Amino acid sequence: MSKVTITGEIRGARPRRPAPKWRITSLEVLCAVLVLALVGQDWLVGVLDVPVLRTAATVFVAVCVQAMPFLVLGVLISGAIAAFVPASLLRRVLPRRTALAVPVAGMAGVALPGCECASVPVARRLMQQGVAPAVALSFLLAAPAVNPIVLVATAVAFKDAPMMVPARFVGSLLTAVVMGWLWTRFGKAEWIAERALRRLPDHDGTSRWAVFAETARHDLVQAGGFLVLGGLFAAVFNVVVPAAWLEALGGQVVFGVLVMALLAVVLALCSEADAFVAVSMSALPLLPRLVFLVVGPAVDVKLAALQAGAFGRGFAARFAPATFVVAIGCALVAGAVFL
């Protein structure tokens, strides 16, 4: 017979699980905001019906609506690759010599699209499967920048400047290859955290469809948030920054290049949507906007944090500044050839 403790519980019985506590998540907040907006729509229309806000709202909606199809397509393909394409495939097709494997890995970014967030764990996985770090890093930089989704989005955004597409492709690919070669020559294994090089099994038993759904959901939520932030920035940029400032910035090419490069680092936009933000800055010349498009997918505050978490802070402290300088130089070279 089971004994009853002082608290009244039966010894040996399975303890009761506490009832789950209801928490307010972003979904509940969004629903509440939508309900309040519907209830007070007449008041909102009266308050927000001013020319400046109408212009900002038009720019914001235009950026989001144009970019969303490419963003959705990109995360679906990224999820399919994570679920159904083994990372070891790239290792099997790469040349044995690292110097030759680096450009091949860069070109592999054309066939294996993904956002910046997805490229970091993929590169880490490649290292854990024995791929040379220089090759994995070249793929990390190329995949978010030279894949067909990004190039088609750039072509749609810059339909009046078609040469921006080959300029962005060459500038981004050159950045990936140069950084791979630089790591081959100067990189040291001790700069990368040990956890990034530890071998892992190819499969953990998770369903491929579950991996696909989770990867697509994660990328869409994360990239969609950055798209909204980019749309807000474009809207504020167009109504707050005087046109005279942009014209003055356009006359100072060197200063404009540096400003746009720093903006790309700070804004941390998704590569599948940044072209629609760049095209909205129509008062700037094409060259500073090309620098914005090449630097953004290669180095920004979000990527630096992800790289520090995946490869160690020592790696990120060396890799991010070097990538910033190389990306600007490669964008200028591509711009001089194509623009």
C-alpha atoms as a PDB file:
ATOM      1  CA  MET A   1       0.000   0.000   0.000  1.00  0.00           C
ATOM      2  CA  SER A   2       1.304   3.418  -0.922  1.00  0.00           C
ATOM      3  CA  LYS A   3       2.155   5.725   1.919  1.00  0.00           C
ATOM      4  CA  VAL A   4       0.639   9.200   2.120  1.00  0.00           C
ATOM      5  CA  THR A   5       3.025  12.013   2.957  1.00  0.00           C
ATOM      6  CA  ILE A   6       2.211  14.974   5.173  1.00  0.00           C
ATOM      7  CA  THR A   7       1.397  17.059   2.128  1.00  0.00           C
ATOM      8  CA  GLY A   8      -1.199  14.557   1.037  1.00  0.00           C
ATOM      9  CA  GLU A   9       0.676  13.239  -2.006  1.00  0.00           C
ATOM     10  CA  ILE A  10       1.051   9.528  -2.608  1.00  0.00           C
ATOM     11  CA  ARG A  11       4.598   8.313  -2.633  1.00  0.00           C
ATOM     12  CA  GLY A  12       5.564   6.742  -5.950  1.00  0.00           C
ATOM     13  CA  ALA A  13       2.797   8.495  -7.874  1.00  0.00           C
ATOM     14  CA  ARG A  14       3.715  10.640 -10.839  1.00  0.00           C
ATOM     15  CA  PRO A  15       3.979  14.281  -9.742  1.00  0.00           C
ATOM     16  CA  ARG A  16       1.449  16.620 -11.214  1.00  0.00           C
ATOM     17  CA  ARG A  17       2.729  19.041 -13.791  1.00  0.00           C
ATOM     18  CA  PRO A  18       1.932  22.648 -13.075  1.00  0.00           C
ATOM     19  CA  ALA A  19      -0.615  24.140 -15.413  1.00  0.00           C
ATOM     20  CA  PRO A  20       1.064  26.126 -18.184  1.00  0.00           C
ATOM     21  CA  LYS A  21       1.022  29.836 -17.547  1.00  0.00           C
ATOM     22  CA  TRP A  22      -0.561  31.992 -20.185  1.00  0.00           C
ATOM     23  CA  ARG A  23       1.922  34.478 -21.593  1.00  0.00           C
ATOM     24  CA  ILE A  24       1.466  37.479 -23.823  1.00  0.00           C
ATOM     25  CA  THR A  25       3.392  36.923 -27.040  1.00  0.00           C
ATOM     26  CA  SER A  26       3.958  39.043 -30.128  1.00  0.00           C
ATOM     27  CA  LEU A  27       0.904  37.425 -31.758  1.00  0.00           C
ATOM     28  CA  GLU A  28      -1.438  38.666 -29.010  1.00  0.00           C
ATOM     29  CA  VAL A  29       0.140  42.113 -29.171  1.00  0.00           C
ATOM     30  CA  LEU A  30      -0.333  42.233 -32.943  1.00  0.00           C
ATOM     31  CA  CYS A  31      -3.995  41.194 -32.651  1.00  0.00           C
ATOM     32  CA  ALA A  32      -4.599  43.826 -29.974  1.00  0.00           C
ATOM     33  CA  VAL A  33      -3.021  46.525 -32.094  1.00  0.00           C
ATOM     34  CA  LEU A  34      -5.121  45.528 -35.115  1.00  0.00           C
ATOM     35  CA  VAL A  35      -8.329  45.582 -33.052  1.00  0.00           C
ATOM     36  CA  LEU A  36      -7.497  49.017 -31.641  1.00  0.00           C
ATOM     37  CA  ALA A  37      -6.693  50.275 -35.139  1.00  0.00           C
ATOM     38  CA  LEU A  38     -10.054  49.043 -36.444  1.00  0.00           C
ATOM     39  CA  VAL A  39     -11.961  50.564 -33.542  1.00  0.00           C
ATOM     40  CA  GLY A  40     -10.216  53.909 -33.800  1.00  0.00           C
ATOM     41  CA  GLN A  41      -9.745  54.090 -37.551  1.00  0.00           C
ATOM     42  CA  ASP A  42     -11.734  57.316 -37.920  1.00  0.00           C
ATOM     43  CA  TRP A  43      -9.557  59.021 -35.336  1.00  0.00           C
ATOM     44  CA  LEU A  44      -6.383  57.639 -36.913  1.00  0.00           C
ATOM     45  CA  VAL A  45      -7.368  58.875 -40.359  1.00  0.00           C
ATOM     46  CA  GLY A  46      -7.940  62.360 -38.987  1.00  0.00           C
ATOM     47  CA  VAL A  47      -4.624  62.430 -37.137  1.00  0.00           C
ATOM     48  CA  LEU A  48      -2.457  60.811 -39.811  1.00  0.00           C
ATOM     49  CA  ASP A  49      -3.979  62.500 -42.856  1.00  0.00           C
ATOM     50  CA  VAL A  50      -1.052  64.839 -43.509  1.00  0.00           C
ATOM     51  CA  PRO A  51       1.036  64.979 -46.710  1.00  0.00           C
ATOM     52  CA  VAL A  52       4.311  63.921 -45.073  1.00  0.00           C
ATOM     53  CA  LEU A  53       2.813  60.822 -43.468  1.00  0.00           C
ATOM     54  CA  ARG A  54       0.952  59.914 -46.645  1.00  0.00           C
ATOM     55  CA  THR A  55       4.236  60.031 -48.565  1.00  0.00           C
ATOM     56  CA  ALA A  56       6.007  57.958 -45.922  1.00  0.00           C
ATOM     57  CA  ALA A  57       3.204  55.389 -45.888  1.00  0.00           C
ATOM     58  CA  THR A  58       3.303  55.119 -49.682  1.00  0.00           C
ATOM     59  CA  VAL A  59       7.060  54.484 -49.685  1.00  0.00           C
ATOM     60  CA  PHE A  60       6.791  51.955 -46.854  1.00  0.00           C
ATOM     61  CA  VAL A  61       4.008  49.966 -48.524  1.00  0.00           C
ATOM     62  CA  ALA A  62       5.762  50.063 -51.916  1.00  0.00           C
ATOM     63  CA  VAL A  63       9.027  48.706 -50.487  1.00  0.00           C
ATOM     64  CA  CYS A  64       7.308  45.908 -48.526  1.00  0.00           C
ATOM     65  CA  VAL A  65       4.921  44.864 -51.298  1.00  0.00           C
ATOM     66  CA  GLN A  66       7.666  44.734 -53.934  1.00  0.00           C
ATOM     67  CA  ALA A  67      10.100  42.810 -51.758  1.00  0.00           C
ATOM     68  CA  MET A  68       7.748  40.332 -50.050  1.00  0.00           C
ATOM     69  CA  PRO A  69       7.375  37.835 -52.961  1.00  0.00           C
ATOM     70  CA  PHE A  70      11.157  37.522 -53.296  1.00  0.00           C
ATOM     71  CA  LEU A  71      11.517  37.175 -49.549  1.00  0.00           C
ATOM     72  CA  VAL A  72       8.950  34.363 -49.363  1.00  0.00           C
ATOM     73  CA  LEU A  73      10.488  32.552 -52.327  1.00  0.00           C
ATOM     74  CA  GLY A  74      13.926  32.911 -50.788  1.00  0.00           C
ATOM     75  CA  VAL A  75      12.990  31.432 -47.424  1.00  0.00           C
ATOM     76  CA  LEU A  76      11.173  28.516 -49.093  1.00  0.00           C
ATOM     77  CA  ILE A  77      14.245  27.651 -51.144  1.00  0.00           C
ATOM     78  CA  SER A  78      16.484  28.136 -48.117  1.00  0.00           C
ATOM     79  CA  GLY A  79      14.313  25.772 -46.093  1.00  0.00           C
ATOM     80  CA  ALA A  80      14.310  23.181 -48.879  1.00  0.00           C
ATOM     81  CA  ILE A  81      18.101  23.298 -49.092  1.00  0.00           C
ATOM     82  CA  ALA A  82      18.501  22.942 -45.325  1.00  0.00           C
ATOM     83  CA  ALA A  83      16.156  19.944 -45.295  1.00  0.00           C
ATOM     84  CA  PHE A  84      16.882  18.049 -48.496  1.00  0.00           C
ATOM     85  CA  VAL A  85      20.402  19.033 -49.661  1.00  0.00           C
ATOM     86  CA  PRO A  86      23.150  17.537 -47.473  1.00  0.00           C
ATOM     87  CA  ALA A  87      25.973  19.897 -46.581  1.00  0.00           C
ATOM     88  CA  SER A  88      28.447  17.163 -47.520  1.00  0.00           C
ATOM     89  CA  LEU A  89      27.450  17.560 -51.191  1.00  0.00           C
ATOM     90  CA  LEU A  90      29.537  20.697 -51.531  1.00  0.00           C
ATOM     91  CA  ARG A  91      32.517  18.975 -49.931  1.00  0.00           C
ATOM     92  CA  ARG A  92      32.391  16.156 -52.470  1.00  0.00           C
ATOM     93  CA  VAL A  93      32.408  18.431 -55.511  1.00  0.00           C
ATOM     94  CA  LEU A  94      35.091  20.846 -54.322  1.00  0.00           C
ATOM     95  CA  PRO A  95      38.653  20.670 -55.677  1.00  0.00           C
ATOM     96  CA  ARG A  96      41.249  19.398 -53.238  1.00  0.00           C
ATOM     97  CA  ARG A  97      43.398  22.519 -53.496  1.00  0.00           C
ATOM     98  CA  THR A  98      42.010  25.290 -51.318  1.00  0.00           C
ATOM     99  CA  ALA A  99      43.025  28.065 -53.713  1.00  0.00           C
ATOM    100  CA  LEU A 100      40.911  26.449 -56.447  1.00  0.00           C
ATOM    101  CA  ALA A 101      38.088  25.430 -54.126  1.00  0.00           C
ATOM    102  CA  VAL A 102      37.494  29.016 -52.938  1.00  0.00           C
ATOM    103  CA  PRO A 103      36.101  30.373 -56.257  1.00  0.00           C
ATOM    104  CA  VAL A 104      34.135  27.141 -56.765  1.00  0.00           C
ATOM    105  CA  ALA A 105      32.508  27.626 -53.355  1.00  0.00           C
ATOM    106  CA  GLY A 106      31.770  31.217 -54.270  1.00  0.00           C
ATOM    107  CA  MET A 107      30.011  30.140 -57.456  1.00  0.00           C
ATOM    108  CA  ALA A 108      28.106  27.502 -55.474  1.00  0.00           C
ATOM    109  CA  GLY A 109      26.262  30.399 -53.877  1.00  0.00           C
ATOM    110  CA  VAL A 110      24.434  30.819 -57.202  1.00  0.00           C
ATOM    111  CA  ALA A 111      22.895  27.364 -56.902  1.00  0.00           C
ATOM    112  CA  LEU A 112      22.432  27.339 -53.116  1.00  0.00           C
ATOM    113  CA  PRO A 113      20.576  30.516 -52.157  1.00  0.00           C
ATOM    114  CA  GLY A 114      19.944  31.574 -48.598  1.00  0.00           C
ATOM    115  CA  CYS A 115      19.798  34.646 -46.423  1.00  0.00           C
ATOM    116  CA  GLU A 116      22.719  35.926 -44.368  1.00  0.00           C
ATOM    117  CA  CYS A 117      21.323  34.341 -41.211  1.00  0.00           C
ATOM    118  CA  ALA A 118      21.179  30.910 -42.852  1.00  0.00           C
ATOM    119  CA  SER A 119      24.665  31.102 -44.382  1.00  0.00           C
ATOM    120  CA  VAL A 120      26.427  31.268 -41.001  1.00  0.00           C
ATOM    121  CA  PRO A 121      25.195  27.888 -39.672  1.00  0.00           C
ATOM    122  CA  VAL A 122      25.710  26.334 -43.123  1.00  0.00           C
ATOM    123  CA  ALA A 123      29.340  27.519 -43.167  1.00  0.00           C
ATOM    124  CA  ARG A 124      29.853  26.192 -39.664  1.00  0.00           C
ATOM    125  CA  ARG A 125      28.360  22.857 -40.704  1.00  0.00           C
ATOM    126  CA  LEU A 126      30.757  22.684 -43.663  1.00  0.00           C
ATOM    127  CA  MET A 127      33.723  23.251 -41.357  1.00  0.00           C
ATOM    128  CA  GLN A 128      32.471  20.508 -39.049  1.00  0.00           C
ATOM    129  CA  GLN A 129      32.340  18.149 -42.029  1.00  0.00           C
ATOM    130  CA  GLY A 130      35.970  18.795 -42.910  1.00  0.00           C
ATOM    131  CA  VAL A 131      35.727  21.605 -45.476  1.00  0.00           C
ATOM    132  CA  ALA A 132      38.639  24.062 -45.284  1.00  0.00           C
ATOM    133  CA  PRO A 133      37.664  27.234 -43.356  1.00  0.00           C
ATOM    134  CA  ALA A 134      38.636  29.481 -46.290  1.00  0.00           C
ATOM    135  CA  VAL A 135      36.238  27.583 -48.567  1.00  0.00           C
ATOM    136  CA  ALA A 136      33.378  27.659 -46.035  1.00  0.00           C
ATOM    137  CA  LEU A 137      33.873  31.391 -45.455  1.00  0.00           C
ATOM    138  CA  SER A 138      33.835  32.066 -49.189  1.00  0.00           C
ATOM    139  CA  PHE A 139      30.495  30.262 -49.424  1.00  0.00           C
ATOM    140  CA  LEU A 140      29.245  32.178 -46.373  1.00  0.00           C
ATOM    141  CA  LEU A 141      29.830  35.503 -48.134  1.00  0.00           C
ATOM    142  CA  ALA A 142      28.657  34.452 -51.598  1.00  0.00           C
ATOM    143  CA  ALA A 143      25.420  32.554 -50.911  1.00  0.00           C
ATOM    144  CA  PRO A 144      23.336  35.519 -49.666  1.00  0.00           C
ATOM    145  CA  ALA A 145      24.598  37.897 -52.366  1.00  0.00           C
ATOM    146  CA  VAL A 146      24.914  36.124 -55.729  1.00  0.00           C
ATOM    147  CA  ASN A 147      21.936  33.762 -55.718  1.00  0.00           C
ATOM    148  CA  PRO A 148      19.242  34.129 -58.405  1.00  0.00           C
ATOM    149  CA  ILE A 149      16.588  35.445 -56.003  1.00  0.00           C
ATOM    150  CA  VAL A 150      18.729  38.400 -54.962  1.00  0.00           C
ATOM    151  CA  LEU A 151      19.752  39.126 -58.553  1.00  0.00           C
ATOM    152  CA  VAL A 152      16.155  38.995 -59.825  1.00  0.00           C
ATOM    153  CA  ALA A 153      15.045  41.263 -56.981  1.00  0.00           C
ATOM    154  CA  THR A 154      17.831  43.688 -57.912  1.00  0.00           C
ATOM    155  CA  ALA A 155      16.777  43.619 -61.561  1.00  0.00           C
ATOM    156  CA  VAL A 156      13.160  44.364 -60.623  1.00  0.00           C
ATOM    157  CA  ALA A 157      14.157  47.191 -58.290  1.00  0.00           C
ATOM    158  CA  PHE A 158      16.681  48.773 -60.686  1.00  0.00           C
ATOM    159  CA  LYS A 159      14.758  48.226 -63.922  1.00  0.00           C
ATOM    160  CA  ASP A 160      15.953  51.663 -65.094  1.00  0.00           C
ATOM    161  CA  ALA A 161      19.592  50.757 -64.368  1.00  0.00           C
ATOM    162  CA  PRO A 162      20.034  47.149 -65.584  1.00  0.00           C
ATOM    163  CA  MET A 163      23.829  47.211 -65.175  1.00  0.00           C
ATOM    164  CA  MET A 164      23.379  47.186 -61.405  1.00  0.00           C
ATOM    165  CA  VAL A 165      22.722  43.435 -61.632  1.00  0.00           C
ATOM    166  CA  PRO A 166      26.106  42.375 -63.107  1.00  0.00           C
ATOM    167  CA  ALA A 167      27.841  45.022 -60.992  1.00  0.00           C
ATOM    168  CA  ARG A 168      26.359  43.584 -57.808  1.00  0.00           C
ATOM    169  CA  PHE A 169      27.064  39.998 -58.870  1.00  0.00           C
ATOM    170  CA  VAL A 170      30.714  40.664 -59.702  1.00  0.00           C
ATOM    171  CA  GLY A 171      31.307  42.869 -56.658  1.00  0.00           C
ATOM    172  CA  SER A 172      29.792  40.347 -54.243  1.00  0.00           C
ATOM    173  CA  LEU A 173      31.456  37.306 -55.819  1.00  0.00           C
ATOM    174  CA  LEU A 174      34.806  39.084 -55.876  1.00  0.00           C
ATOM    175  CA  THR A 175      34.390  39.936 -52.190  1.00  0.00           C
ATOM    176  CA  ALA A 176      33.775  36.283 -51.313  1.00  0.00           C
ATOM    177  CA  VAL A 177      36.705  35.000 -53.362  1.00  0.00           C
ATOM    178  CA  VAL A 178      39.195  37.636 -52.156  1.00  0.00           C
ATOM    179  CA  MET A 179      38.267  37.009 -48.509  1.00  0.00           C
ATOM    180  CA  GLY A 180      38.670  33.260 -49.052  1.00  0.00           C
ATOM    181  CA  TRP A 181      42.116  33.724 -50.553  1.00  0.00           C
ATOM    182  CA  LEU A 182      43.123  36.142 -47.793  1.00  0.00           C
ATOM    183  CA  TRP A 183      42.095  33.585 -45.175  1.00  0.00           C
ATOM    184  CA  THR A 184      44.074  30.916 -47.035  1.00  0.00           C
ATOM    185  CA  ARG A 185      47.169  33.117 -46.863  1.00  0.00           C
ATOM    186  CA  PHE A 186      46.848  34.798 -43.471  1.00  0.00           C
ATOM    187  CA  GLY A 187      44.126  32.991 -41.501  1.00  0.00           C
ATOM    188  CA  LYS A 188      44.960  30.860 -38.469  1.00  0.00           C
ATOM    189  CA  ALA A 189      42.975  27.941 -37.104  1.00  0.00           C
ATOM    190  CA  GLU A 190      43.254  29.199 -33.521  1.00  0.00           C
ATOM    191  CA  TRP A 191      41.220  32.288 -34.473  1.00  0.00           C
ATOM    192  CA  ILE A 192      38.164  30.033 -34.869  1.00  0.00           C
ATOM    193  CA  ALA A 193      36.473  28.700 -31.745  1.00  0.00           C
ATOM    194  CA  GLU A 194      36.941  24.978 -31.159  1.00  0.00           C
ATOM    195  CA  ARG A 195      33.182  24.347 -31.086  1.00  0.00           C
ATOM    196  CA  ALA A 196      32.933  25.478 -34.722  1.00  0.00           C
ATOM    197  CA  LEU A 197      35.376  22.780 -35.853  1.00  0.00           C
ATOM    198  CA  ARG A 198      34.027  19.909 -33.772  1.00  0.00           C
ATOM    199  CA  ARG A 199      32.722  17.115 -36.005  1.00  0.00           C
ATOM    200  CA  LEU A 200      28.983  16.397 -35.818  1.00  0.00           C
ATOM    201  CA  PRO A 201      26.890  13.584 -37.323  1.00  0.00           C
ATOM    202  CA  ASP A 202      25.082  14.323 -40.564  1.00  0.00           C
ATOM    203  CA  HIS A 203      21.599  13.542 -39.222  1.00  0.00           C
ATOM    204  CA  ASP A 204      19.955  13.883 -35.833  1.00  0.00           C
ATOM    205  CA  GLY A 205      16.753  11.964 -36.607  1.00  0.00           C
ATOM    206  CA  THR A 206      14.621  15.031 -37.217  1.00  0.00           C
ATOM    207  CA  SER A 207      12.066  14.768 -40.000  1.00  0.00           C
ATOM    208  CA  ARG A 208      13.163  16.521 -43.181  1.00  0.00           C
ATOM    209  CA  TRP A 209       9.777  18.185 -43.532  1.00  0.00           C
ATOM    210  CA  ALA A 210      10.022  19.409 -39.952  1.00  0.00           C
ATOM    211  CA  VAL A 211      13.446  20.890 -40.731  1.00  0.00           C
ATOM    212  CA  PHE A 212      12.004  22.511 -43.869  1.00  0.00           C
ATOM    213  CA  ALA A 213       9.056  24.041 -42.000  1.00  0.00           C
ATOM    214  CA  GLU A 214      11.148  25.257 -39.065  1.00  0.00           C
ATOM    215  CA  THR A 215      13.890  26.737 -41.264  1.00  0.00           C
ATOM    216  CA  ALA A 216      11.398  28.520 -43.529  1.00  0.00           C
ATOM    217  CA  ARG A 217       9.430  29.830 -40.550  1.00  0.00           C
ATOM    218  CA  HIS A 218      12.558  31.053 -38.764  1.00  0.00           C
ATOM    219  CA  ASP A 219      13.986  32.760 -41.851  1.00  0.00           C
ATOM    220  CA  LEU A 220      10.653  34.366 -42.769  1.00  0.00           C
ATOM    221  CA  VAL A 221      10.059  35.777 -39.296  1.00  0.00           C
ATOM    222  CA  GLN A 222      13.608  37.046 -38.950  1.00  0.00           C
ATOM    223  CA  ALA A 223      14.027  38.376 -42.492  1.00  0.00           C
ATOM    224  CA  GLY A 224      10.488  39.788 -42.507  1.00  0.00           C
ATOM    225  CA  GLY A 225      11.281  41.818 -39.416  1.00  0.00           C
ATOM    226  CA  PHE A 226      14.335  43.295 -41.090  1.00  0.00           C
ATOM    227  CA  LEU A 227      12.255  44.015 -44.200  1.00  0.00           C
ATOM    228  CA  VAL A 228       9.777  46.002 -42.117  1.00  0.00           C
ATOM    229  CA  LEU A 229      12.633  47.915 -40.504  1.00  0.00           C
ATOM    230  CA  GLY A 230      14.097  48.584 -43.942  1.00  0.00           C
ATOM    231  CA  GLY A 231      10.754  49.824 -45.215  1.00  0.00           C
ATOM    232  CA  LEU A 232      10.428  52.134 -42.223  1.00  0.00           C
ATOM    233  CA  PHE A 233      13.941  53.449 -42.799  1.00  0.00           C
ATOM    234  CA  ALA A 234      13.224  54.090 -46.474  1.00  0.00           C
ATOM    235  CA  ALA A 235      10.000  55.912 -45.572  1.00  0.00           C
ATOM    236  CA  VAL A 236      11.681  58.080 -42.931  1.00  0.00           C
ATOM    237  CA  PHE A 237      14.690  58.655 -45.183  1.00  0.00           C
ATOM    238  CA  ASN A 238      12.514  59.972 -48.005  1.00  0.00           C
ATOM    239  CA  VAL A 239      10.500  62.421 -45.910  1.00  0.00           C
ATOM    240  CA  VAL A 240      13.014  63.537 -43.276  1.00  0.00           C
ATOM    241  CA  VAL A 241      16.295  63.902 -45.157  1.00  0.00           C
ATOM    242  CA  PRO A 242      16.148  67.041 -47.332  1.00  0.00           C
ATOM    243  CA  ALA A 243      16.748  66.549 -51.033  1.00  0.00           C
ATOM    244  CA  ALA A 244      19.508  69.176 -50.887  1.00  0.00           C
ATOM    245  CA  TRP A 245      21.487  66.977 -48.522  1.00  0.00           C
ATOM    246  CA  LEU A 246      21.283  64.030 -50.894  1.00  0.00           C
ATOM    247  CA  GLU A 247      22.313  66.188 -53.814  1.00  0.00           C
ATOM    248  CA  ALA A 248      25.310  67.426 -51.814  1.00  0.00           C
ATOM    249  CA  LEU A 249      26.134  63.857 -50.818  1.00  0.00           C
ATOM    250  CA  GLY A 250      25.845  62.811 -54.460  1.00  0.00           C
ATOM    251  CA  GLY A 251      28.436  65.408 -55.382  1.00  0.00           C
ATOM    252  CA  GLN A 252      30.895  63.963 -52.860  1.00  0.00           C
ATOM    253  CA  VAL A 253      31.415  60.452 -54.195  1.00  0.00           C
ATOM    254  CA  VAL A 254      33.994  59.372 -51.602  1.00  0.00           C
ATOM    255  CA  PHE A 255      31.904  60.629 -48.704  1.00  0.00           C
ATOM    256  CA  GLY A 256      28.763  59.098 -50.213  1.00  0.00           C
ATOM    257  CA  VAL A 257      30.454  55.706 -50.550  1.00  0.00           C
ATOM    258  CA  LEU A 258      31.560  55.733 -46.903  1.00  0.00           C
ATOM    259  CA  VAL A 259      28.144  56.838 -45.650  1.00  0.00           C
ATOM    260  CA  MET A 260      26.301  54.155 -47.629  1.00  0.00           C
ATOM    261  CA  ALA A 261      28.772  51.475 -46.506  1.00  0.00           C
ATOM    262  CA  LEU A 262      28.233  52.403 -42.870  1.00  0.00           C
ATOM    263  CA  LEU A 263      24.456  52.483 -43.393  1.00  0.00           C
ATOM    264  CA  ALA A 264      24.606  48.953 -44.796  1.00  0.00           C
ATOM    265  CA  VAL A 265      26.421  47.773 -41.655  1.00  0.00           C
ATOM    266  CA  VAL A 266      24.047  49.498 -39.240  1.00  0.00           C
ATOM    267  CA  LEU A 267      20.724  48.740 -40.983  1.00  0.00           C
ATOM    268  CA  ALA A 268      21.473  45.001 -41.405  1.00  0.00           C
ATOM    269  CA  LEU A 269      18.835  44.489 -44.107  1.00  0.00           C
ATOM    270  CA  CYS A 270      18.003  41.146 -45.692  1.00  0.00           C
ATOM    271  CA  SER A 271      19.798  40.684 -49.029  1.00  0.00           C
ATOM    272  CA  GLU A 272      16.518  39.688 -50.678  1.00  0.00           C
ATOM    273  CA  ALA A 273      14.961  43.069 -49.867  1.00  0.00           C
ATOM    274  CA  ASP A 274      17.813  45.603 -49.654  1.00  0.00           C
ATOM    275  CA  ALA A 275      17.650  46.477 -53.374  1.00  0.00           C
ATOM    276  CA  PHE A 276      14.175  47.967 -52.903  1.00  0.00           C
ATOM    277  CA  VAL A 277      15.494  50.161 -50.096  1.00  0.00           C
ATOM    278  CA  ALA A 278      18.519  51.229 -52.154  1.00  0.00           C
ATOM    279  CA  VAL A 279      16.434  52.143 -55.196  1.00  0.00           C
ATOM    280  CA  SER A 280      14.299  54.447 -53.037  1.00  0.00           C
ATOM    281  CA  MET A 281      17.390  56.651 -52.479  1.00  0.00           C
ATOM    282  CA  SER A 282      17.053  57.989 -56.004  1.00  0.00           C
ATOM    283  CA  ALA A 283      18.931  61.224 -55.300  1.00  0.00           C
ATOM    284  CA  LEU A 284      22.185  59.308 -54.780  1.00  0.00           C
ATOM    285  CA  PRO A 285      24.411  58.139 -57.656  1.00  0.00           C
ATOM    286  CA  LEU A 286      24.506  54.457 -58.535  1.00  0.00           C
ATOM    287  CA  LEU A 287      28.023  53.846 -57.176  1.00  0.00           C
ATOM    288  CA  PRO A 288      27.269  54.573 -53.483  1.00  0.00           C
ATOM    289  CA  ARG A 289      24.106  52.481 -53.776  1.00  0.00           C
ATOM    290  CA  LEU A 290      26.134  49.635 -55.286  1.00  0.00           C
ATOM    291  CA  VAL A 291      28.481  49.811 -52.300  1.00  0.00           C
ATOM    292  CA  PHE A 292      25.402  49.586 -50.067  1.00  0.00           C
ATOM    293  CA  LEU A 293      24.263  46.412 -51.867  1.00  0.00           C
ATOM    294  CA  VAL A 294      27.680  44.727 -51.808  1.00  0.00           C
ATOM    295  CA  VAL A 295      28.644  45.577 -48.223  1.00  0.00           C
ATOM    296  CA  GLY A 296      25.260  44.747 -46.634  1.00  0.00           C
ATOM    297  CA  PRO A 297      25.149  40.972 -47.312  1.00  0.00           C
ATOM    298  CA  ALA A 298      28.847  40.625 -46.452  1.00  0.00           C
ATOM    299  CA  VAL A 299      29.097  42.450 -43.125  1.00  0.00           C
ATOM    300  CA  ASP A 300      26.627  44.107 -40.771  1.00  0.00           C
ATOM    301  CA  VAL A 301      25.948  44.215 -37.047  1.00  0.00           C
ATOM    302  CA  LYS A 302      23.616  41.203 -37.227  1.00  0.00           C
ATOM    303  CA  LEU A 303      26.143  39.089 -39.134  1.00  0.00           C
ATOM    304  CA  ALA A 304      28.974  40.095 -36.815  1.00  0.00           C
ATOM    305  CA  ALA A 305      26.924  38.913 -33.829  1.00  0.00           C
ATOM    306  CA  LEU A 306      26.036  35.637 -35.564  1.00  0.00           C
ATOM    307  CA  GLN A 307      29.668  35.046 -36.535  1.00  0.00           C
ATOM    308  CA  ALA A 308      30.822  35.763 -32.986  1.00  0.00           C
ATOM    309  CA  GLY A 309      28.353  33.206 -31.676  1.00  0.00           C
ATOM    310  CA  ALA A 310      29.234  30.561 -34.261  1.00  0.00           C
ATOM    311  CA  PHE A 311      32.994  31.020 -34.660  1.00  0.00           C
ATOM    312  CA  GLY A 312      34.059  33.042 -31.619  1.00  0.00           C
ATOM    313  CA  ARG A 313      34.534  36.706 -30.836  1.00  0.00           C
ATOM    314  CA  GLY A 314      38.189  36.632 -31.852  1.00  0.00           C
ATOM    315  CA  PHE A 315      37.201  35.474 -35.318  1.00  0.00           C
ATOM    316  CA  ALA A 316      34.477  38.120 -35.717  1.00  0.00           C
ATOM    317  CA  ALA A 317      36.807  40.884 -34.506  1.00  0.00           C
ATOM    318  CA  ARG A 318      39.227  40.077 -37.349  1.00  0.00           C
ATOM    319  CA  PHE A 319      36.887  38.866 -40.096  1.00  0.00           C
ATOM    320  CA  ALA A 320      34.222  41.605 -40.019  1.00  0.00           C
ATOM    321  CA  PRO A 321      36.551  44.654 -40.391  1.00  0.00           C
ATOM    322  CA  ALA A 322      38.556  42.936 -43.139  1.00  0.00           C
ATOM    323  CA  THR A 323      35.358  42.033 -45.001  1.00  0.00           C
ATOM    324  CA  PHE A 324      34.135  45.635 -44.718  1.00  0.00           C
ATOM    325  CA  VAL A 325      37.266  46.996 -46.387  1.00  0.00           C
ATOM    326  CA  VAL A 326      37.395  44.288 -49.061  1.00  0.00           C
ATOM    327  CA  ALA A 327      33.686  44.671 -49.898  1.00  0.00           C
ATOM    328  CA  ILE A 328      34.048  48.416 -50.443  1.00  0.00           C
ATOM    329  CA  GLY A 329      37.073  47.884 -52.693  1.00  0.00           C
ATOM    330  CA  CYS A 330      35.388  45.158 -54.737  1.00  0.00           C
ATOM    331  CA  ALA A 331      32.222  47.247 -55.123  1.00  0.00           C
ATOM    332  CA  LEU A 332      34.292  50.155 -56.426  1.00  0.00           C
ATOM    333  CA  VAL A 333      36.052  47.882 -58.922  1.00  0.00           C
ATOM    334  CA  ALA A 334      32.738  46.440 -60.142  1.00  0.00           C
ATOM    335  CA  GLY A 335      31.238  49.904 -60.336  1.00  0.00           C
ATOM    336  CA  ALA A 336      34.150  51.198 -62.396  1.00  0.00           C
ATOM    337  CA  VAL A 337      33.634  48.352 -64.899  1.00  0.00           C
ATOM    338  CA  PHE A 338      29.848  48.226 -65.201  1.00  0.00           C
ATOM    339  CA  LEU A 339      28.461  51.623 -64.143  1.00  0.00           C
END
